Amino acid sequence: MTIKVERELTVYNVEEVIEQLKGFVRGRKKDLLLDLSEIEDIDTAGLQLLVSLQKYGDSKGCNCKIRISKDMRELLAKYGALHVLELEVAEVEDE
């Protein structure tokens, strides 16, 4: 299952993403890709969601991957989140 989030993962849309993730949990699927490669902003509500997803996946044996952009990786490094989260950095296509 892939869930793609565009523009931001903040308090303003985190509830919508949680609702999509509930479908993953209810369906008892084992593979999830949360694609955040196009988001430009994340706040503490978004970070909390990512940490919760990571812990859920680890405890249930799910293969939960979080894809981010290189710019977002730099921001998450400033927050110190790279020590907690397992992230996949999306490759940028050459134009």
PDB file of N, CA and C in Angstrom:
ATOM      1  N   MET A   1       0.849  -1.175   0.000  1.00  0.00           N
ATOM      2  CA  MET A   1       0.000   0.000   0.000  1.00  0.00           C
ATOM      3  C   MET A   1       0.893   1.236   0.000  1.00  0.00           C
ATOM      4  N   THR A   2       0.550   2.209  -0.811  1.00  0.00           N
ATOM      5  CA  THR A   2       1.291   3.473  -0.858  1.00  0.00           C
ATOM      6  C   THR A   2       0.344   4.616  -0.491  1.00  0.00           C
ATOM      7  N   ILE A   3       0.826   5.464   0.410  1.00  0.00           N
ATOM      8  CA  ILE A   3       0.108   6.680   0.768  1.00  0.00           C
ATOM      9  C   ILE A   3       1.021   7.836   0.407  1.00  0.00           C
ATOM     10  N   LYS A   4       0.555   8.700  -0.479  1.00  0.00           N
ATOM     11  CA  LYS A   4       1.353   9.842  -0.929  1.00  0.00           C
ATOM     12  C   LYS A   4       0.799  11.116  -0.304  1.00  0.00           C
ATOM     13  N   VAL A   5       1.686  11.883   0.309  1.00  0.00           N
ATOM     14  CA  VAL A   5       1.303  13.146   0.930  1.00  0.00           C
ATOM     15  C   VAL A   5       1.991  14.257   0.153  1.00  0.00           C
ATOM     16  N   GLU A   6       1.235  15.275  -0.200  1.00  0.00           N
ATOM     17  CA  GLU A   6       1.790  16.387  -0.968  1.00  0.00           C
ATOM     18  C   GLU A   6       1.807  17.658  -0.141  1.00  0.00           C
ATOM     19  N   ARG A   7       2.752  18.510  -0.389  1.00  0.00           N
ATOM     20  CA  ARG A   7       2.926  19.852   0.176  1.00  0.00           C
ATOM     21  C   ARG A   7       3.391  19.868   1.623  1.00  0.00           C
ATOM     22  N   GLU A   8       2.633  19.254   2.546  1.00  0.00           N
ATOM     23  CA  GLU A   8       3.012  19.376   3.951  1.00  0.00           C
ATOM     24  C   GLU A   8       2.505  18.194   4.763  1.00  0.00           C
ATOM     25  N   LEU A   9       3.149  17.993   5.898  1.00  0.00           N
ATOM     26  CA  LEU A   9       2.676  17.045   6.900  1.00  0.00           C
ATOM     27  C   LEU A   9       2.701  17.815   8.215  1.00  0.00           C
ATOM     28  N   THR A  10       1.599  18.491   8.461  1.00  0.00           N
ATOM     29  CA  THR A  10       1.505  19.387   9.619  1.00  0.00           C
ATOM     30  C   THR A  10       0.197  19.128  10.359  1.00  0.00           C
ATOM     31  N   VAL A  11       0.008  19.845  11.421  1.00  0.00           N
ATOM     32  CA  VAL A  11      -1.201  19.726  12.218  1.00  0.00           C
ATOM     33  C   VAL A  11      -2.457  19.920  11.362  1.00  0.00           C
ATOM     34  N   TYR A  12      -2.332  20.635  10.249  1.00  0.00           N
ATOM     35  CA  TYR A  12      -3.479  20.924   9.389  1.00  0.00           C
ATOM     36  C   TYR A  12      -3.934  19.734   8.550  1.00  0.00           C
ATOM     37  N   ASN A  13      -3.061  18.764   8.286  1.00  0.00           N
ATOM     38  CA  ASN A  13      -3.483  17.618   7.478  1.00  0.00           C
ATOM     39  C   ASN A  13      -3.097  16.267   8.078  1.00  0.00           C
ATOM     40  N   VAL A  14      -2.507  16.259   9.255  1.00  0.00           N
ATOM     41  CA  VAL A  14      -2.063  14.999   9.842  1.00  0.00           C
ATOM     42  C   VAL A  14      -3.244  14.064  10.131  1.00  0.00           C
ATOM     43  N   GLU A  15      -4.381  14.608  10.492  1.00  0.00           N
ATOM     44  CA  GLU A  15      -5.573  13.784  10.756  1.00  0.00           C
ATOM     45  C   GLU A  15      -6.000  13.030   9.496  1.00  0.00           C
ATOM     46  N   GLU A  16      -5.920  13.695   8.348  1.00  0.00           N
ATOM     47  CA  GLU A  16      -6.266  13.056   7.075  1.00  0.00           C
ATOM     48  C   GLU A  16      -5.322  11.881   6.788  1.00  0.00           C
ATOM     49  N   VAL A  17      -4.048  12.058   7.050  1.00  0.00           N
ATOM     50  CA  VAL A  17      -3.069  10.991   6.832  1.00  0.00           C
ATOM     51  C   VAL A  17      -3.318   9.847   7.813  1.00  0.00           C
ATOM     52  N   ILE A  18      -3.656  10.172   9.053  1.00  0.00           N
ATOM     53  CA  ILE A  18      -3.966   9.137  10.042  1.00  0.00           C
ATOM     54  C   ILE A  18      -5.139   8.291   9.578  1.00  0.00           C
ATOM     55  N   GLU A  19      -6.156   8.924   9.013  1.00  0.00           N
ATOM     56  CA  GLU A  19      -7.311   8.176   8.501  1.00  0.00           C
ATOM     57  C   GLU A  19      -6.891   7.205   7.400  1.00  0.00           C
ATOM     58  N   GLN A  20      -5.989   7.631   6.531  1.00  0.00           N
ATOM     59  CA  GLN A  20      -5.497   6.736   5.477  1.00  0.00           C
ATOM     60  C   GLN A  20      -4.700   5.590   6.086  1.00  0.00           C
ATOM     61  N   LEU A  21      -3.919   5.879   7.116  1.00  0.00           N
ATOM     62  CA  LEU A  21      -3.129   4.838   7.766  1.00  0.00           C
ATOM     63  C   LEU A  21      -4.016   3.832   8.499  1.00  0.00           C
ATOM     64  N   LYS A  22      -5.156   4.269   8.972  1.00  0.00           N
ATOM     65  CA  LYS A  22      -6.080   3.345   9.633  1.00  0.00           C
ATOM     66  C   LYS A  22      -6.539   2.265   8.659  1.00  0.00           C
ATOM     67  N   GLY A  23      -6.673   2.617   7.382  1.00  0.00           N
ATOM     68  CA  GLY A  23      -7.021   1.632   6.362  1.00  0.00           C
ATOM     69  C   GLY A  23      -5.941   0.565   6.234  1.00  0.00           C
ATOM     70  N   PHE A  24      -4.706   0.982   6.359  1.00  0.00           N
ATOM     71  CA  PHE A  24      -3.581   0.051   6.330  1.00  0.00           C
ATOM     72  C   PHE A  24      -3.656  -0.891   7.524  1.00  0.00           C
ATOM     73  N   VAL A  25      -3.911  -0.334   8.702  1.00  0.00           N
ATOM     74  CA  VAL A  25      -3.971  -1.137   9.921  1.00  0.00           C
ATOM     75  C   VAL A  25      -5.160  -2.100   9.868  1.00  0.00           C
ATOM     76  N   ARG A  26      -6.326  -1.601   9.462  1.00  0.00           N
ATOM     77  CA  ARG A  26      -7.519  -2.454   9.386  1.00  0.00           C
ATOM     78  C   ARG A  26      -7.341  -3.572   8.373  1.00  0.00           C
ATOM     79  N   GLY A  27      -6.671  -3.265   7.273  1.00  0.00           N
ATOM     80  CA  GLY A  27      -6.461  -4.272   6.243  1.00  0.00           C
ATOM     81  C   GLY A  27      -5.388  -5.284   6.588  1.00  0.00           C
ATOM     82  N   ARG A  28      -4.719  -5.063   7.699  1.00  0.00           N
ATOM     83  CA  ARG A  28      -3.662  -5.966   8.186  1.00  0.00           C
ATOM     84  C   ARG A  28      -2.606  -6.231   7.118  1.00  0.00           C
ATOM     85  N   LYS A  29      -2.326  -5.216   6.335  1.00  0.00           N
ATOM     86  CA  LYS A  29      -1.304  -5.350   5.304  1.00  0.00           C
ATOM     87  C   LYS A  29       0.069  -5.254   5.949  1.00  0.00           C
ATOM     88  N   LYS A  30       1.049  -5.826   5.316  1.00  0.00           N
ATOM     89  CA  LYS A  30       2.399  -5.868   5.887  1.00  0.00           C
ATOM     90  C   LYS A  30       3.365  -4.903   5.222  1.00  0.00           C
ATOM     91  N   ASP A  31       3.011  -4.358   4.077  1.00  0.00           N
ATOM     92  CA  ASP A  31       3.907  -3.448   3.365  1.00  0.00           C
ATOM     93  C   ASP A  31       3.244  -2.093   3.200  1.00  0.00           C
ATOM     94  N   LEU A  32       3.976  -1.050   3.595  1.00  0.00           N
ATOM     95  CA  LEU A  32       3.469   0.309   3.470  1.00  0.00           C
ATOM     96  C   LEU A  32       4.597   1.225   3.036  1.00  0.00           C
ATOM     97  N   LEU A  33       4.309   2.084   2.072  1.00  0.00           N
ATOM     98  CA  LEU A  33       5.217   3.152   1.687  1.00  0.00           C
ATOM     99  C   LEU A  33       4.487   4.466   1.915  1.00  0.00           C
ATOM    100  N   LEU A  34       4.997   5.262   2.846  1.00  0.00           N
ATOM    101  CA  LEU A  34       4.483   6.607   3.079  1.00  0.00           C
ATOM    102  C   LEU A  34       5.380   7.539   2.287  1.00  0.00           C
ATOM    103  N   ASP A  35       4.874   8.007   1.155  1.00  0.00           N
ATOM    104  CA  ASP A  35       5.671   8.818   0.229  1.00  0.00           C
ATOM    105  C   ASP A  35       5.529  10.295   0.571  1.00  0.00           C
ATOM    106  N   LEU A  36       6.576  10.842   1.168  1.00  0.00           N
ATOM    107  CA  LEU A  36       6.620  12.252   1.547  1.00  0.00           C
ATOM    108  C   LEU A  36       7.622  13.012   0.686  1.00  0.00           C
ATOM    109  N   SER A  37       7.963  12.459  -0.462  1.00  0.00           N
ATOM    110  CA  SER A  37       9.028  13.030  -1.290  1.00  0.00           C
ATOM    111  C   SER A  37       8.676  14.398  -1.873  1.00  0.00           C
ATOM    112  N   GLU A  38       7.390  14.774  -1.824  1.00  0.00           N
ATOM    113  CA  GLU A  38       6.992  16.069  -2.374  1.00  0.00           C
ATOM    114  C   GLU A  38       6.556  17.072  -1.313  1.00  0.00           C
ATOM    115  N   ILE A  39       6.704  16.717  -0.032  1.00  0.00           N
ATOM    116  CA  ILE A  39       6.303  17.686   0.984  1.00  0.00           C
ATOM    117  C   ILE A  39       7.390  18.739   1.164  1.00  0.00           C
ATOM    118  N   GLU A  40       6.959  19.915   1.530  1.00  0.00           N
ATOM    119  CA  GLU A  40       7.877  21.038   1.722  1.00  0.00           C
ATOM    120  C   GLU A  40       7.952  21.473   3.172  1.00  0.00           C
ATOM    121  N   ASP A  41       7.008  20.988   4.003  1.00  0.00           N
ATOM    122  CA  ASP A  41       6.952  21.426   5.390  1.00  0.00           C
ATOM    123  C   ASP A  41       6.488  20.278   6.271  1.00  0.00           C
ATOM    124  N   ILE A  42       7.066  20.215   7.457  1.00  0.00           N
ATOM    125  CA  ILE A  42       6.664  19.236   8.459  1.00  0.00           C
ATOM    126  C   ILE A  42       6.792  19.912   9.812  1.00  0.00           C
ATOM    127  N   ASP A  43       5.842  19.642  10.699  1.00  0.00           N
ATOM    128  CA  ASP A  43       5.919  20.220  12.042  1.00  0.00           C
ATOM    129  C   ASP A  43       5.954  19.080  13.060  1.00  0.00           C
ATOM    130  N   THR A  44       5.823  19.422  14.330  1.00  0.00           N
ATOM    131  CA  THR A  44       5.935  18.392  15.370  1.00  0.00           C
ATOM    132  C   THR A  44       4.807  17.366  15.290  1.00  0.00           C
ATOM    133  N   ALA A  45       3.629  17.766  14.828  1.00  0.00           N
ATOM    134  CA  ALA A  45       2.544  16.801  14.653  1.00  0.00           C
ATOM    135  C   ALA A  45       2.923  15.779  13.576  1.00  0.00           C
ATOM    136  N   GLY A  46       3.535  16.241  12.500  1.00  0.00           N
ATOM    137  CA  GLY A  46       3.996  15.343  11.449  1.00  0.00           C
ATOM    138  C   GLY A  46       5.106  14.428  11.926  1.00  0.00           C
ATOM    139  N   LEU A  47       6.046  14.986  12.683  1.00  0.00           N
ATOM    140  CA  LEU A  47       7.131  14.159  13.234  1.00  0.00           C
ATOM    141  C   LEU A  47       6.587  13.102  14.182  1.00  0.00           C
ATOM    142  N   GLN A  48       5.637  13.482  15.006  1.00  0.00           N
ATOM    143  CA  GLN A  48       5.034  12.537  15.937  1.00  0.00           C
ATOM    144  C   GLN A  48       4.369  11.390  15.175  1.00  0.00           C
ATOM    145  N   LEU A  49       3.696  11.707  14.091  1.00  0.00           N
ATOM    146  CA  LEU A  49       3.070  10.680  13.269  1.00  0.00           C
ATOM    147  C   LEU A  49       4.122   9.716  12.715  1.00  0.00           C
ATOM    148  N   LEU A  50       5.238  10.244  12.226  1.00  0.00           N
ATOM    149  CA  LEU A  50       6.290   9.395  11.664  1.00  0.00           C
ATOM    150  C   LEU A  50       6.889   8.470  12.720  1.00  0.00           C
ATOM    151  N   VAL A  51       7.135   9.001  13.897  1.00  0.00           N
ATOM    152  CA  VAL A  51       7.697   8.182  14.976  1.00  0.00           C
ATOM    153  C   VAL A  51       6.696   7.090  15.377  1.00  0.00           C
ATOM    154  N   SER A  52       5.423   7.451  15.487  1.00  0.00           N
ATOM    155  CA  SER A  52       4.394   6.472  15.845  1.00  0.00           C
ATOM    156  C   SER A  52       4.292   5.375  14.794  1.00  0.00           C
ATOM    157  N   LEU A  53       4.351   5.766  13.516  1.00  0.00           N
ATOM    158  CA  LEU A  53       4.293   4.786  12.435  1.00  0.00           C
ATOM    159  C   LEU A  53       5.488   3.846  12.498  1.00  0.00           C
ATOM    160  N   GLN A  54       6.654   4.396  12.748  1.00  0.00           N
ATOM    161  CA  GLN A  54       7.862   3.580  12.847  1.00  0.00           C
ATOM    162  C   GLN A  54       7.739   2.572  13.994  1.00  0.00           C
ATOM    163  N   LYS A  55       7.287   3.032  15.147  1.00  0.00           N
ATOM    164  CA  LYS A  55       7.132   2.142  16.306  1.00  0.00           C
ATOM    165  C   LYS A  55       6.071   1.071  16.035  1.00  0.00           C
ATOM    166  N   TYR A  56       4.982   1.456  15.400  1.00  0.00           N
ATOM    167  CA  TYR A  56       3.932   0.496  15.065  1.00  0.00           C
ATOM    168  C   TYR A  56       4.492  -0.582  14.143  1.00  0.00           C
ATOM    169  N   GLY A  57       5.161  -0.157  13.097  1.00  0.00           N
ATOM    170  CA  GLY A  57       5.732  -1.113  12.153  1.00  0.00           C
ATOM    171  C   GLY A  57       6.714  -2.060  12.810  1.00  0.00           C
ATOM    172  N   ASP A  58       7.565  -1.527  13.663  1.00  0.00           N
ATOM    173  CA  ASP A  58       8.549  -2.360  14.359  1.00  0.00           C
ATOM    174  C   ASP A  58       7.866  -3.375  15.273  1.00  0.00           C
ATOM    175  N   SER A  59       6.816  -2.963  15.966  1.00  0.00           N
ATOM    176  CA  SER A  59       6.158  -3.856  16.918  1.00  0.00           C
ATOM    177  C   SER A  59       5.297  -4.919  16.232  1.00  0.00           C
ATOM    178  N   LYS A  60       4.815  -4.637  15.037  1.00  0.00           N
ATOM    179  CA  LYS A  60       3.921  -5.566  14.336  1.00  0.00           C
ATOM    180  C   LYS A  60       4.617  -6.339  13.222  1.00  0.00           C
ATOM    181  N   GLY A  61       5.899  -6.100  13.024  1.00  0.00           N
ATOM    182  CA  GLY A  61       6.618  -6.794  11.965  1.00  0.00           C
ATOM    183  C   GLY A  61       6.229  -6.333  10.574  1.00  0.00           C
ATOM    184  N   CYS A  62       5.776  -5.111  10.469  1.00  0.00           N
ATOM    185  CA  CYS A  62       5.383  -4.550   9.167  1.00  0.00           C
ATOM    186  C   CYS A  62       6.589  -3.937   8.474  1.00  0.00           C
ATOM    187  N   ASN A  63       6.545  -3.929   7.181  1.00  0.00           N
ATOM    188  CA  ASN A  63       7.577  -3.301   6.381  1.00  0.00           C
ATOM    189  C   ASN A  63       7.091  -1.897   6.033  1.00  0.00           C
ATOM    190  N   CYS A  64       7.280  -0.962   6.959  1.00  0.00           N
ATOM    191  CA  CYS A  64       6.825   0.425   6.780  1.00  0.00           C
ATOM    192  C   CYS A  64       8.011   1.277   6.342  1.00  0.00           C
ATOM    193  N   LYS A  65       7.923   1.805   5.129  1.00  0.00           N
ATOM    194  CA  LYS A  65       8.972   2.668   4.613  1.00  0.00           C
ATOM    195  C   LYS A  65       8.447   4.089   4.486  1.00  0.00           C
ATOM    196  N   ILE A  66       9.341   5.039   4.758  1.00  0.00           N
ATOM    197  CA  ILE A  66       9.005   6.454   4.641  1.00  0.00           C
ATOM    198  C   ILE A  66       9.975   7.058   3.636  1.00  0.00           C
ATOM    199  N   ARG A  67       9.440   7.561   2.530  1.00  0.00           N
ATOM    200  CA  ARG A  67      10.277   8.159   1.485  1.00  0.00           C
ATOM    201  C   ARG A  67      10.217   9.682   1.611  1.00  0.00           C
ATOM    202  N   ILE A  68      11.394  10.311   1.625  1.00  0.00           N
ATOM    203  CA  ILE A  68      11.477  11.769   1.746  1.00  0.00           C
ATOM    204  C   ILE A  68      12.428  12.312   0.682  1.00  0.00           C
ATOM    205  N   SER A  69      12.414  13.625   0.516  1.00  0.00           N
ATOM    206  CA  SER A  69      13.338  14.287  -0.408  1.00  0.00           C
ATOM    207  C   SER A  69      14.659  14.568   0.313  1.00  0.00           C
ATOM    208  N   LYS A  70      15.678  14.918  -0.455  1.00  0.00           N
ATOM    209  CA  LYS A  70      16.968  15.273   0.143  1.00  0.00           C
ATOM    210  C   LYS A  70      16.841  16.509   1.023  1.00  0.00           C
ATOM    211  N   ASP A  71      16.047  17.482   0.579  1.00  0.00           N
ATOM    212  CA  ASP A  71      15.836  18.698   1.378  1.00  0.00           C
ATOM    213  C   ASP A  71      15.166  18.374   2.710  1.00  0.00           C
ATOM    214  N   MET A  72      14.183  17.484   2.668  1.00  0.00           N
ATOM    215  CA  MET A  72      13.499  17.112   3.906  1.00  0.00           C
ATOM    216  C   MET A  72      14.439  16.320   4.821  1.00  0.00           C
ATOM    217  N   ARG A  73      15.336  15.560   4.234  1.00  0.00           N
ATOM    218  CA  ARG A  73      16.314  14.822   5.047  1.00  0.00           C
ATOM    219  C   ARG A  73      17.170  15.804   5.844  1.00  0.00           C
ATOM    220  N   GLU A  74      17.580  16.882   5.206  1.00  0.00           N
ATOM    221  CA  GLU A  74      18.379  17.893   5.901  1.00  0.00           C
ATOM    222  C   GLU A  74      17.594  18.515   7.048  1.00  0.00           C
ATOM    223  N   LEU A  75      16.316  18.803   6.817  1.00  0.00           N
ATOM    224  CA  LEU A  75      15.483  19.381   7.871  1.00  0.00           C
ATOM    225  C   LEU A  75      15.310  18.394   9.023  1.00  0.00           C
ATOM    226  N   LEU A  76      15.047  17.136   8.715  1.00  0.00           N
ATOM    227  CA  LEU A  76      14.873  16.135   9.759  1.00  0.00           C
ATOM    228  C   LEU A  76      16.174  15.900  10.527  1.00  0.00           C
ATOM    229  N   ALA A  77      17.297  16.081   9.858  1.00  0.00           N
ATOM    230  CA  ALA A  77      18.585  15.977  10.552  1.00  0.00           C
ATOM    231  C   ALA A  77      18.713  17.094  11.589  1.00  0.00           C
ATOM    232  N   LYS A  78      18.257  18.281  11.256  1.00  0.00           N
ATOM    233  CA  LYS A  78      18.290  19.397  12.212  1.00  0.00           C
ATOM    234  C   LYS A  78      17.422  19.114  13.423  1.00  0.00           C
ATOM    235  N   TYR A  79      16.291  18.419  13.208  1.00  0.00           N
ATOM    236  CA  TYR A  79      15.393  18.054  14.310  1.00  0.00           C
ATOM    237  C   TYR A  79      15.944  16.894  15.139  1.00  0.00           C
ATOM    238  N   GLY A  80      16.975  16.217  14.625  1.00  0.00           N
ATOM    239  CA  GLY A  80      17.517  15.051  15.312  1.00  0.00           C
ATOM    240  C   GLY A  80      16.696  13.796  15.067  1.00  0.00           C
ATOM    241  N   ALA A  81      15.828  13.826  14.075  1.00  0.00           N
ATOM    242  CA  ALA A  81      14.922  12.706  13.823  1.00  0.00           C
ATOM    243  C   ALA A  81      15.570  11.546  13.083  1.00  0.00           C
ATOM    244  N   LEU A  82      16.725  11.764  12.490  1.00  0.00           N
ATOM    245  CA  LEU A  82      17.357  10.696  11.715  1.00  0.00           C
ATOM    246  C   LEU A  82      17.852   9.558  12.600  1.00  0.00           C
ATOM    247  N   HIS A  83      18.022   9.826  13.885  1.00  0.00           N
ATOM    248  CA  HIS A  83      18.465   8.787  14.817  1.00  0.00           C
ATOM    249  C   HIS A  83      17.317   7.866  15.205  1.00  0.00           C
ATOM    250  N   VAL A  84      16.093   8.309  14.965  1.00  0.00           N
ATOM    251  CA  VAL A  84      14.911   7.558  15.374  1.00  0.00           C
ATOM    252  C   VAL A  84      14.237   6.891  14.182  1.00  0.00           C
ATOM    253  N   LEU A  85      14.207   7.574  13.049  1.00  0.00           N
ATOM    254  CA  LEU A  85      13.451   7.119  11.893  1.00  0.00           C
ATOM    255  C   LEU A  85      14.327   6.431  10.861  1.00  0.00           C
ATOM    256  N   GLU A  86      13.765   5.404  10.237  1.00  0.00           N
ATOM    257  CA  GLU A  86      14.406   4.759   9.099  1.00  0.00           C
ATOM    258  C   GLU A  86      13.767   5.366   7.854  1.00  0.00           C
ATOM    259  N   LEU A  87      14.559   6.095   7.097  1.00  0.00           N
ATOM    260  CA  LEU A  87      14.026   6.844   5.962  1.00  0.00           C
ATOM    261  C   LEU A  87      14.693   6.434   4.663  1.00  0.00           C
ATOM    262  N   GLU A  88      13.960   6.565   3.596  1.00  0.00           N
ATOM    263  CA  GLU A  88      14.462   6.323   2.251  1.00  0.00           C
ATOM    264  C   GLU A  88      14.435   7.660   1.524  1.00  0.00           C
ATOM    265  N   VAL A  89      15.568   8.091   0.983  1.00  0.00           N
ATOM    266  CA  VAL A  89      15.630   9.377   0.287  1.00  0.00           C
ATOM    267  C   VAL A  89      15.346   9.140  -1.188  1.00  0.00           C
ATOM    268  N   ALA A  90      14.367   9.877  -1.707  1.00  0.00           N
ATOM    269  CA  ALA A  90      13.958   9.746  -3.110  1.00  0.00           C
ATOM    270  C   ALA A  90      15.047  10.327  -4.005  1.00  0.00           C
ATOM    271  N   GLU A  91      15.291   9.665  -5.095  1.00  0.00           N
ATOM    272  CA  GLU A  91      16.240  10.154  -6.086  1.00  0.00           C
ATOM    273  C   GLU A  91      15.560  11.210  -6.933  1.00  0.00           C
ATOM    274  N   VAL A  92      16.281  12.283  -7.215  1.00  0.00           N
ATOM    275  CA  VAL A  92      15.753  13.363  -8.051  1.00  0.00           C
ATOM    276  C   VAL A  92      16.089  13.039  -9.498  1.00  0.00           C
ATOM    277  N   GLU A  93      15.074  13.144 -10.354  1.00  0.00           N
ATOM    278  CA  GLU A  93      15.303  12.881 -11.775  1.00  0.00           C
ATOM    279  C   GLU A  93      15.996  14.080 -12.411  1.00  0.00           C
ATOM    280  N   ASP A  94      16.960  13.810 -13.306  1.00  0.00           N
ATOM    281  CA  ASP A  94      17.629  14.880 -14.031  1.00  0.00           C
ATOM    282  C   ASP A  94      16.682  15.458 -15.063  1.00  0.00           C
ATOM    283  N   GLU A  95      16.709  16.778 -15.162  1.00  0.00           N
ATOM    284  CA  GLU A  95      15.826  17.442 -16.138  1.00  0.00           C
ATOM    285  C   GLU A  95      16.548  17.671 -17.434  1.00  0.00           C
TER     286      GLU A  95
END
